[in-house]
Structures are given as C-alpha cells and as structure tokens.
Amino acid sequence: CAVVRVTSRGSEVVIAPLFAGILAGAIAIGMLISVFGTLWLVVRPLRSRIEELATAAEHVGGASFAPQTSSSDALGHIAEVLERSHKRIAESREALEERNQALERHLAGVAHDLRTPLSSMHLALEALATQSTGEVQREARRALADAVYLSSMVENLHEATRLRHEVDITSDSVELSDLVRRLEKRFAIVGRYAGVEVAASMPEEEVWVACRPALAERAVANVVQKAVEHNSEPGHVA
C-alpha cells in the first residue's frame, strides 16, 4: 500500500485539479505495477512448481516419472517425498515381477514333469478298464476321469498364472478344426468308459482365429470335459 499526504503552508494555497489527477494516476499505476510484479515474480513461479509436482504425482511408480528439483521449502519437501515413494513402488514392482516369473517357471516345470506320468497313467487305466469287469472296471473308469481332470487342472493353473501377467492372447493364431479333431480323439476315450459318445463336426474350410493355441485348446477342452462329466449313460456330447 502507498499513502501520499499533501499539505499546504497556508489556507490560500489550493492544489490544482490537474496535479491531483496526475497524482492519483501515478498512485494507481504504481499499485498496478506492484501487483503485476508480485504475480510475475512470486505467484507465477509458485504455480509452475505446483503444476510440476502435480504431474510428477500422477506418474509416481511409472517409467515416465521425472524427479523434481529439491529445495528447502515445503514444495521441495513434497518433491522429496514423491521421489522416495516412486523408488519404493519401483522396487516393490520389480520384486513382485521376479516372484511372478519364478512362480510361472515353477508351474511350467510342474506341468511339464506331470505330463509324462499322467499320460502313462491314462494308458494304464484305459487298459485296466478294458480288460476288467464289474466293480474293478467302474473304479478304473472313475480313476481315468480323475486323471484327466488332474491334467486339465494343472494346465489351467499354468495358463491362469501366465494370464495374470497381461499376456497378449491374440499374439498368435490357431486353426480351430484341427484343434477340435485332437480334442475329439482325447475325450472320446474318456467318454467311452463313461458311457458318453463324444463326436465333432468340422466345416469344409479352415477356421483361423487370432488366439494363442494353448489358450484356445484349454477353453474348448474345459467345455467338453464338463459336458462329459455331467452327462449320464447313455449320453452324447457334440
């Protein structure tokens, strides 16, 4: 604020109106210069720093995070807190990714190691169900269905773990007719001992879809397996 005091030596001295107008204008201009100077020197840099902090806060934990210049004021303290938070989040994310990769490798190894003994078990149970009769045959059929279910459960667990990593499921392609033929042969064996006929029909032309082959096979196999399990003798699954 500015205060201007004008006094006269005697009552006969009169301030001219022009001088009063110039004086008032000078005071107003000085006040405007002071206000704009404050905005330019103080408010504008402060607003710029706040906007930078807001941008940094939006990208905390991401690859595009840019650390701010630290200072001794309150905004500088906020910038330091954001940078420490970014480092903690980045370290936690890296550790989590390493654990997920280790889990995926472990499940892939388990699925691979179980594939061979489960296949041998399928063949042995199938032979037992063919050669035996009565209660032994019924138990062999039930065990064969359980073995098939165990194989599917292991494969599903492996694929579910990979999907949690946001895998692009359209990164490959698969021909559905060939996939269905393989599943028909696989489940025809299980269905035969359950008294359920499993049959498939394919179009004359190939049917290609954008999908990872393993995921497409698991999706169709899950549906067929449930259809066989919840069917009754004599049943039919198409």
C-alpha atoms as a PDB file:
ATOM      1  CA  CYS A   1       0.000   0.000   0.000  1.00  0.00           C
ATOM      2  CA  ALA A   2       1.107   3.590  -0.634  1.00  0.00           C
ATOM      3  CA  VAL A   3      -0.032   6.653   1.282  1.00  0.00           C
ATOM      4  CA  VAL A   4       0.578  10.112  -0.100  1.00  0.00           C
ATOM      5  CA  ARG A   5      -0.016  13.083   2.145  1.00  0.00           C
ATOM      6  CA  VAL A   6      -0.179  16.569   0.700  1.00  0.00           C
ATOM      7  CA  THR A   7      -0.200  19.615   2.965  1.00  0.00           C
ATOM      8  CA  SER A   8      -0.062  23.354   2.290  1.00  0.00           C
ATOM      9  CA  ARG A   9       1.627  26.154   4.202  1.00  0.00           C
ATOM     10  CA  GLY A  10      -1.412  28.287   4.190  1.00  0.00           C
ATOM     11  CA  SER A  11      -5.083  28.124   3.600  1.00  0.00           C
ATOM     12  CA  GLU A  12      -4.742  30.273   0.480  1.00  0.00           C
ATOM     13  CA  VAL A  13      -2.778  27.568  -1.371  1.00  0.00           C
ATOM     14  CA  VAL A  14      -5.086  25.400  -3.491  1.00  0.00           C
ATOM     15  CA  ILE A  15      -3.975  22.172  -5.165  1.00  0.00           C
ATOM     16  CA  ALA A  16      -4.739  22.372  -8.830  1.00  0.00           C
ATOM     17  CA  PRO A  17      -7.176  19.686 -10.095  1.00  0.00           C
ATOM     18  CA  LEU A  18      -4.691  18.691 -12.809  1.00  0.00           C
ATOM     19  CA  PHE A  19      -1.991  17.990 -10.277  1.00  0.00           C
ATOM     20  CA  ALA A  20      -4.429  15.963  -8.176  1.00  0.00           C
ATOM     21  CA  GLY A  21      -5.388  13.898 -11.216  1.00  0.00           C
ATOM     22  CA  ILE A  22      -1.777  13.224 -12.139  1.00  0.00           C
ATOM     23  CA  LEU A  23      -1.014  12.253  -8.577  1.00  0.00           C
ATOM     24  CA  ALA A  24      -3.956   9.835  -8.398  1.00  0.00           C
ATOM     25  CA  GLY A  25      -2.989   8.299 -11.735  1.00  0.00           C
ATOM     26  CA  ALA A  26       0.591   7.828 -10.609  1.00  0.00           C
ATOM     27  CA  ILE A  27      -0.601   6.108  -7.455  1.00  0.00           C
ATOM     28  CA  ALA A  28      -2.882   3.789  -9.427  1.00  0.00           C
ATOM     29  CA  ILE A  29      -0.136   2.907 -11.912  1.00  0.00           C
ATOM     30  CA  GLY A  30       2.284   2.231  -9.082  1.00  0.00           C
ATOM     31  CA  MET A  31      -0.201  -0.100  -7.439  1.00  0.00           C
ATOM     32  CA  LEU A  32      -0.801  -1.987 -10.722  1.00  0.00           C
ATOM     33  CA  ILE A  33       2.936  -2.338 -11.289  1.00  0.00           C
ATOM     34  CA  SER A  34       3.317  -3.657  -7.773  1.00  0.00           C
ATOM     35  CA  VAL A  35       0.506  -6.195  -8.210  1.00  0.00           C
ATOM     36  CA  PHE A  36       1.730  -7.459 -11.583  1.00  0.00           C
ATOM     37  CA  GLY A  37       5.297  -7.554 -10.336  1.00  0.00           C
ATOM     38  CA  THR A  38       4.217  -9.731  -7.423  1.00  0.00           C
ATOM     39  CA  LEU A  39       2.315 -12.054  -9.769  1.00  0.00           C
ATOM     40  CA  TRP A  40       5.277 -12.359 -12.121  1.00  0.00           C
ATOM     41  CA  LEU A  41       7.995 -12.805  -9.520  1.00  0.00           C
ATOM     42  CA  VAL A  42       6.157 -14.864  -6.887  1.00  0.00           C
ATOM     43  CA  VAL A  43       2.826 -16.342  -7.962  1.00  0.00           C
ATOM     44  CA  ARG A  44       3.835 -17.466 -11.461  1.00  0.00           C
ATOM     45  CA  PRO A  45       6.917 -19.483 -10.372  1.00  0.00           C
ATOM     46  CA  LEU A  46       4.927 -20.932  -7.461  1.00  0.00           C
ATOM     47  CA  ARG A  47       2.127 -22.051  -9.761  1.00  0.00           C
ATOM     48  CA  SER A  48       4.651 -23.572 -12.174  1.00  0.00           C
ATOM     49  CA  ARG A  49       6.250 -25.611  -9.394  1.00  0.00           C
ATOM     50  CA  ILE A  50       2.851 -26.812  -8.153  1.00  0.00           C
ATOM     51  CA  GLU A  51       1.918 -27.946 -11.669  1.00  0.00           C
ATOM     52  CA  GLU A  52       5.217 -29.813 -11.967  1.00  0.00           C
ATOM     53  CA  LEU A  53       4.575 -31.550  -8.647  1.00  0.00           C
ATOM     54  CA  ALA A  54       1.061 -32.498  -9.765  1.00  0.00           C
ATOM     55  CA  THR A  55       2.462 -34.018 -12.952  1.00  0.00           C
ATOM     56  CA  ALA A  56       5.117 -35.893 -11.008  1.00  0.00           C
ATOM     57  CA  ALA A  57       2.490 -37.212  -8.572  1.00  0.00           C
ATOM     58  CA  GLU A  58       0.434 -38.613 -11.470  1.00  0.00           C
ATOM     59  CA  HIS A  59       3.427 -40.635 -12.714  1.00  0.00           C
ATOM     60  CA  VAL A  60       4.730 -41.913  -9.374  1.00  0.00           C
ATOM     61  CA  GLY A  61       5.752 -45.531  -9.859  1.00  0.00           C
ATOM     62  CA  GLY A  62       5.754 -45.269 -13.647  1.00  0.00           C
ATOM     63  CA  ALA A  63       8.530 -45.128 -16.198  1.00  0.00           C
ATOM     64  CA  SER A  64       7.720 -41.515 -17.086  1.00  0.00           C
ATOM     65  CA  PHE A  65       8.271 -40.187 -13.557  1.00  0.00           C
ATOM     66  CA  ALA A  66      10.656 -37.232 -13.525  1.00  0.00           C
ATOM     67  CA  PRO A  67      12.211 -36.192 -10.186  1.00  0.00           C
ATOM     68  CA  GLN A  68      11.799 -32.538  -9.248  1.00  0.00           C
ATOM     69  CA  THR A  69      14.480 -30.145  -8.114  1.00  0.00           C
ATOM     70  CA  SER A  70      14.539 -30.270  -4.330  1.00  0.00           C
ATOM     71  CA  SER A  71      14.655 -27.145  -2.195  1.00  0.00           C
ATOM     72  CA  SER A  72      14.356 -26.258   1.467  1.00  0.00           C
ATOM     73  CA  ASP A  73      10.743 -25.053   1.327  1.00  0.00           C
ATOM     74  CA  ALA A  74       7.509 -27.017   1.703  1.00  0.00           C
ATOM     75  CA  LEU A  75       7.232 -27.780  -2.020  1.00  0.00           C
ATOM     76  CA  GLY A  76      10.764 -29.128  -2.012  1.00  0.00           C
ATOM     77  CA  HIS A  77       9.825 -31.449   0.860  1.00  0.00           C
ATOM     78  CA  ILE A  78       6.832 -32.696  -1.130  1.00  0.00           C
ATOM     79  CA  ALA A  79       9.104 -33.370  -4.122  1.00  0.00           C
ATOM     80  CA  GLU A  80      11.452 -35.435  -1.928  1.00  0.00           C
ATOM     81  CA  VAL A  81       8.527 -37.467  -0.565  1.00  0.00           C
ATOM     82  CA  LEU A  82       7.272 -38.166  -4.098  1.00  0.00           C
ATOM     83  CA  GLU A  83      10.707 -39.320  -5.210  1.00  0.00           C
ATOM     84  CA  ARG A  84      11.065 -41.673  -2.237  1.00  0.00           C
ATOM     85  CA  SER A  85       7.590 -43.060  -2.900  1.00  0.00           C
ATOM     86  CA  HIS A  86       8.479 -43.621  -6.558  1.00  0.00           C
ATOM     87  CA  LYS A  87      11.620 -45.551  -5.601  1.00  0.00           C
ATOM     88  CA  ARG A  88       9.704 -47.764  -3.150  1.00  0.00           C
ATOM     89  CA  ILE A  89       6.974 -48.528  -5.682  1.00  0.00           C
ATOM     90  CA  ALA A  90       9.515 -49.294  -8.417  1.00  0.00           C
ATOM     91  CA  GLU A  91      11.470 -51.623  -6.129  1.00  0.00           C
ATOM     92  CA  SER A  92       8.287 -53.382  -4.973  1.00  0.00           C
ATOM     93  CA  ARG A  93       7.081 -53.817  -8.556  1.00  0.00           C
ATOM     94  CA  GLU A  94      10.425 -55.271  -9.624  1.00  0.00           C
ATOM     95  CA  ALA A  95      10.413 -57.720  -6.724  1.00  0.00           C
ATOM     96  CA  LEU A  96       6.822 -58.720  -7.492  1.00  0.00           C
ATOM     97  CA  GLU A  97       7.642 -59.318 -11.151  1.00  0.00           C
ATOM     98  CA  GLU A  98      10.590 -61.503 -10.163  1.00  0.00           C
ATOM     99  CA  ARG A  99       8.372 -63.574  -7.838  1.00  0.00           C
ATOM    100  CA  ASN A 100       5.713 -63.925 -10.533  1.00  0.00           C
ATOM    101  CA  GLN A 101       8.283 -65.058 -13.074  1.00  0.00           C
ATOM    102  CA  ALA A 102       9.672 -67.571 -10.597  1.00  0.00           C
ATOM    103  CA  LEU A 103       6.150 -68.864  -9.910  1.00  0.00           C
ATOM    104  CA  GLU A 104       5.431 -69.146 -13.617  1.00  0.00           C
ATOM    105  CA  ARG A 105       8.653 -71.082 -14.202  1.00  0.00           C
ATOM    106  CA  HIS A 106       7.808 -73.356 -11.287  1.00  0.00           C
ATOM    107  CA  LEU A 107       4.290 -74.082 -12.559  1.00  0.00           C
ATOM    108  CA  ALA A 108       5.596 -74.644 -16.072  1.00  0.00           C
ATOM    109  CA  GLY A 109       8.079 -77.155 -14.689  1.00  0.00           C
ATOM    110  CA  VAL A 110       5.382 -78.896 -12.647  1.00  0.00           C
ATOM    111  CA  ALA A 111       3.092 -79.114 -15.672  1.00  0.00           C
ATOM    112  CA  HIS A 112       5.931 -80.496 -17.789  1.00  0.00           C
ATOM    113  CA  ASP A 113       7.016 -83.025 -15.158  1.00  0.00           C
ATOM    114  CA  LEU A 114       3.455 -84.275 -14.613  1.00  0.00           C
ATOM    115  CA  ARG A 115       2.633 -84.611 -18.297  1.00  0.00           C
ATOM    116  CA  THR A 116       4.580 -87.855 -18.830  1.00  0.00           C
ATOM    117  CA  PRO A 117       3.431 -89.787 -15.725  1.00  0.00           C
ATOM    118  CA  LEU A 118      -0.166 -88.674 -16.259  1.00  0.00           C
ATOM    119  CA  SER A 119      -0.050 -89.928 -19.857  1.00  0.00           C
ATOM    120  CA  SER A 120       1.273 -93.274 -18.627  1.00  0.00           C
ATOM    121  CA  MET A 121      -1.462 -93.350 -16.011  1.00  0.00           C
ATOM    122  CA  HIS A 122      -4.095 -92.699 -18.694  1.00  0.00           C
ATOM    123  CA  LEU A 123      -2.852 -95.639 -20.767  1.00  0.00           C
ATOM    124  CA  ALA A 124      -2.679 -97.963 -17.761  1.00  0.00           C
ATOM    125  CA  LEU A 125      -6.154 -97.064 -16.545  1.00  0.00           C
ATOM    126  CA  GLU A 126      -7.562 -97.368 -20.041  1.00  0.00           C
ATOM    127  CA  ALA A 127      -6.099-100.865 -20.371  1.00  0.00           C
ATOM    128  CA  LEU A 128      -7.388-101.797 -16.926  1.00  0.00           C
ATOM    129  CA  ALA A 129     -10.870-100.527 -17.762  1.00  0.00           C
ATOM    130  CA  THR A 130     -10.859-102.535 -20.998  1.00  0.00           C
ATOM    131  CA  GLN A 131      -9.637-105.817 -19.536  1.00  0.00           C
ATOM    132  CA  SER A 132     -11.545-105.791 -16.249  1.00  0.00           C
ATOM    133  CA  THR A 133     -15.221-106.179 -15.411  1.00  0.00           C
ATOM    134  CA  GLY A 134     -17.620-105.336 -12.644  1.00  0.00           C
ATOM    135  CA  GLU A 135     -16.504-103.160  -9.744  1.00  0.00           C
ATOM    136  CA  VAL A 136     -12.870-103.054 -10.895  1.00  0.00           C
ATOM    137  CA  GLN A 137     -13.906-101.682 -14.257  1.00  0.00           C
ATOM    138  CA  ARG A 138     -16.077 -98.995 -12.664  1.00  0.00           C
ATOM    139  CA  GLU A 139     -13.253 -97.925 -10.363  1.00  0.00           C
ATOM    140  CA  ALA A 140     -10.798 -97.859 -13.281  1.00  0.00           C
ATOM    141  CA  ARG A 141     -13.157 -95.631 -15.255  1.00  0.00           C
ATOM    142  CA  ARG A 142     -13.576 -93.302 -12.300  1.00  0.00           C
ATOM    143  CA  ALA A 143      -9.794 -93.132 -11.818  1.00  0.00           C
ATOM    144  CA  LEU A 144      -9.306 -92.429 -15.518  1.00  0.00           C
ATOM    145  CA  ALA A 145     -11.725 -89.493 -15.313  1.00  0.00           C
ATOM    146  CA  ASP A 146      -9.894 -88.178 -12.240  1.00  0.00           C
ATOM    147  CA  ALA A 147      -6.553 -88.417 -14.043  1.00  0.00           C
ATOM    148  CA  VAL A 148      -7.916 -86.442 -16.982  1.00  0.00           C
ATOM    149  CA  TYR A 149      -9.320 -83.847 -14.577  1.00  0.00           C
ATOM    150  CA  LEU A 150      -5.950 -83.578 -12.799  1.00  0.00           C
ATOM    151  CA  SER A 151      -4.181 -82.963 -16.099  1.00  0.00           C
ATOM    152  CA  SER A 152      -6.650 -80.228 -17.012  1.00  0.00           C
ATOM    153  CA  MET A 153      -6.334 -78.611 -13.594  1.00  0.00           C
ATOM    154  CA  VAL A 154      -2.529 -78.423 -13.871  1.00  0.00           C
ATOM    155  CA  GLU A 155      -2.719 -76.910 -17.350  1.00  0.00           C
ATOM    156  CA  ASN A 156      -5.381 -74.406 -16.266  1.00  0.00           C
ATOM    157  CA  LEU A 157      -3.281 -73.296 -13.300  1.00  0.00           C
ATOM    158  CA  HIS A 158      -0.295 -72.731 -15.563  1.00  0.00           C
ATOM    159  CA  GLU A 159      -2.290 -70.724 -18.103  1.00  0.00           C
ATOM    160  CA  ALA A 160      -4.049 -68.688 -15.405  1.00  0.00           C
ATOM    161  CA  THR A 161      -0.686 -67.675 -13.958  1.00  0.00           C
ATOM    162  CA  ARG A 162       0.524 -66.532 -17.350  1.00  0.00           C
ATOM    163  CA  LEU A 163      -2.666 -64.549 -17.974  1.00  0.00           C
ATOM    164  CA  ARG A 164      -2.175 -62.628 -14.743  1.00  0.00           C
ATOM    165  CA  HIS A 165       0.917 -61.146 -16.400  1.00  0.00           C
ATOM    166  CA  GLU A 166      -1.316 -59.472 -19.015  1.00  0.00           C
ATOM    167  CA  VAL A 167      -0.129 -61.730 -21.814  1.00  0.00           C
ATOM    168  CA  ASP A 168      -1.387 -60.735 -25.245  1.00  0.00           C
ATOM    169  CA  ILE A 169      -3.758 -63.624 -26.053  1.00  0.00           C
ATOM    170  CA  THR A 170      -4.018 -62.521 -29.699  1.00  0.00           C
ATOM    171  CA  SER A 171      -0.261 -62.710 -30.328  1.00  0.00           C
ATOM    172  CA  ASP A 172      -0.663 -65.971 -32.283  1.00  0.00           C
ATOM    173  CA  SER A 173      -3.229 -67.780 -34.425  1.00  0.00           C
ATOM    174  CA  VAL A 174      -4.770 -71.249 -34.401  1.00  0.00           C
ATOM    175  CA  GLU A 175      -6.866 -73.325 -36.777  1.00  0.00           C
ATOM    176  CA  LEU A 176      -9.948 -74.482 -34.865  1.00  0.00           C
ATOM    177  CA  SER A 177     -10.825 -77.515 -36.982  1.00  0.00           C
ATOM    178  CA  ASP A 178      -7.507 -79.202 -36.275  1.00  0.00           C
ATOM    179  CA  LEU A 179      -7.835 -78.313 -32.591  1.00  0.00           C
ATOM    180  CA  VAL A 180     -11.312 -79.849 -32.386  1.00  0.00           C
ATOM    181  CA  ARG A 181     -10.133 -83.064 -34.064  1.00  0.00           C
ATOM    182  CA  ARG A 182      -7.437 -83.519 -31.420  1.00  0.00           C
ATOM    183  CA  LEU A 183      -9.892 -82.901 -28.588  1.00  0.00           C
ATOM    184  CA  GLU A 184     -12.400 -85.304 -30.121  1.00  0.00           C
ATOM    185  CA  LYS A 185      -9.852 -88.136 -30.028  1.00  0.00           C
ATOM    186  CA  ARG A 186      -8.772 -87.259 -26.489  1.00  0.00           C
ATOM    187  CA  PHE A 187     -12.225 -87.107 -24.932  1.00  0.00           C
ATOM    188  CA  ALA A 188     -13.671 -89.968 -26.952  1.00  0.00           C
ATOM    189  CA  ILE A 189     -11.622 -92.322 -24.768  1.00  0.00           C
ATOM    190  CA  VAL A 190     -12.884 -90.795 -21.522  1.00  0.00           C
ATOM    191  CA  GLY A 191     -16.425 -90.607 -22.835  1.00  0.00           C
ATOM    192  CA  ARG A 192     -16.413 -94.249 -23.966  1.00  0.00           C
ATOM    193  CA  TYR A 193     -15.777 -95.505 -20.429  1.00  0.00           C
ATOM    194  CA  ALA A 194     -18.342 -93.072 -19.029  1.00  0.00           C
ATOM    195  CA  GLY A 195     -20.988 -94.246 -21.473  1.00  0.00           C
ATOM    196  CA  VAL A 196     -20.964 -90.888 -23.280  1.00  0.00           C
ATOM    197  CA  GLU A 197     -20.345 -90.592 -27.001  1.00  0.00           C
ATOM    198  CA  VAL A 198     -18.115 -87.653 -27.990  1.00  0.00           C
ATOM    199  CA  ALA A 199     -18.339 -86.562 -31.623  1.00  0.00           C
ATOM    200  CA  ALA A 200     -17.224 -83.483 -33.530  1.00  0.00           C
ATOM    201  CA  SER A 201     -18.159 -81.922 -36.851  1.00  0.00           C
ATOM    202  CA  MET A 202     -15.865 -79.548 -38.724  1.00  0.00           C
ATOM    203  CA  PRO A 203     -16.585 -77.222 -41.655  1.00  0.00           C
ATOM    204  CA  GLU A 204     -15.026 -77.905 -45.034  1.00  0.00           C
ATOM    205  CA  GLU A 205     -12.927 -74.728 -44.934  1.00  0.00           C
ATOM    206  CA  GLU A 206     -10.311 -73.904 -42.322  1.00  0.00           C
ATOM    207  CA  VAL A 207     -11.281 -71.614 -39.452  1.00  0.00           C
ATOM    208  CA  TRP A 208      -8.394 -69.436 -38.271  1.00  0.00           C
ATOM    209  CA  VAL A 209      -8.689 -67.204 -35.196  1.00  0.00           C
ATOM    210  CA  ALA A 210      -6.290 -64.792 -33.526  1.00  0.00           C
ATOM    211  CA  CYS A 211      -5.541 -66.574 -30.265  1.00  0.00           C
ATOM    212  CA  ARG A 212      -2.759 -68.458 -28.577  1.00  0.00           C
ATOM    213  CA  PRO A 213      -3.170 -72.175 -29.423  1.00  0.00           C
ATOM    214  CA  ALA A 214      -2.743 -73.350 -25.823  1.00  0.00           C
ATOM    215  CA  LEU A 215      -5.434 -70.982 -24.537  1.00  0.00           C
ATOM    216  CA  ALA A 216      -7.867 -71.894 -27.311  1.00  0.00           C
ATOM    217  CA  GLU A 217      -7.365 -75.588 -26.616  1.00  0.00           C
ATOM    218  CA  ARG A 218      -7.875 -75.139 -22.884  1.00  0.00           C
ATOM    219  CA  ALA A 219     -11.068 -73.136 -23.446  1.00  0.00           C
ATOM    220  CA  VAL A 220     -12.661 -75.772 -25.683  1.00  0.00           C
ATOM    221  CA  ALA A 221     -11.327 -78.681 -23.614  1.00  0.00           C
ATOM    222  CA  ASN A 222     -12.840 -77.277 -20.421  1.00  0.00           C
ATOM    223  CA  VAL A 223     -16.279 -77.095 -22.012  1.00  0.00           C
ATOM    224  CA  VAL A 224     -16.075 -80.629 -23.452  1.00  0.00           C
ATOM    225  CA  GLN A 225     -14.762 -82.071 -20.198  1.00  0.00           C
ATOM    226  CA  LYS A 226     -17.603 -80.556 -18.170  1.00  0.00           C
ATOM    227  CA  ALA A 227     -20.110 -81.833 -20.723  1.00  0.00           C
ATOM    228  CA  VAL A 228     -18.750 -85.374 -20.388  1.00  0.00           C
ATOM    229  CA  GLU A 229     -18.537 -85.280 -16.594  1.00  0.00           C
ATOM    230  CA  HIS A 230     -22.078 -84.012 -16.080  1.00  0.00           C
ATOM    231  CA  ASN A 231     -23.645 -86.298 -18.659  1.00  0.00           C
ATOM    232  CA  SER A 232     -25.253 -89.671 -17.949  1.00  0.00           C
ATOM    233  CA  GLU A 233     -25.124 -93.038 -19.667  1.00  0.00           C
ATOM    234  CA  PRO A 234     -26.084 -93.295 -22.479  1.00  0.00           C
ATOM    235  CA  GLY A 235     -25.084 -89.727 -23.332  1.00  0.00           C
ATOM    236  CA  HIS A 236     -23.892 -87.730 -26.288  1.00  0.00           C
ATOM    237  CA  VAL A 237     -21.591 -84.688 -26.489  1.00  0.00           C
ATOM    238  CA  ALA A 238     -21.271 -82.898 -29.827  1.00  0.00           C
END
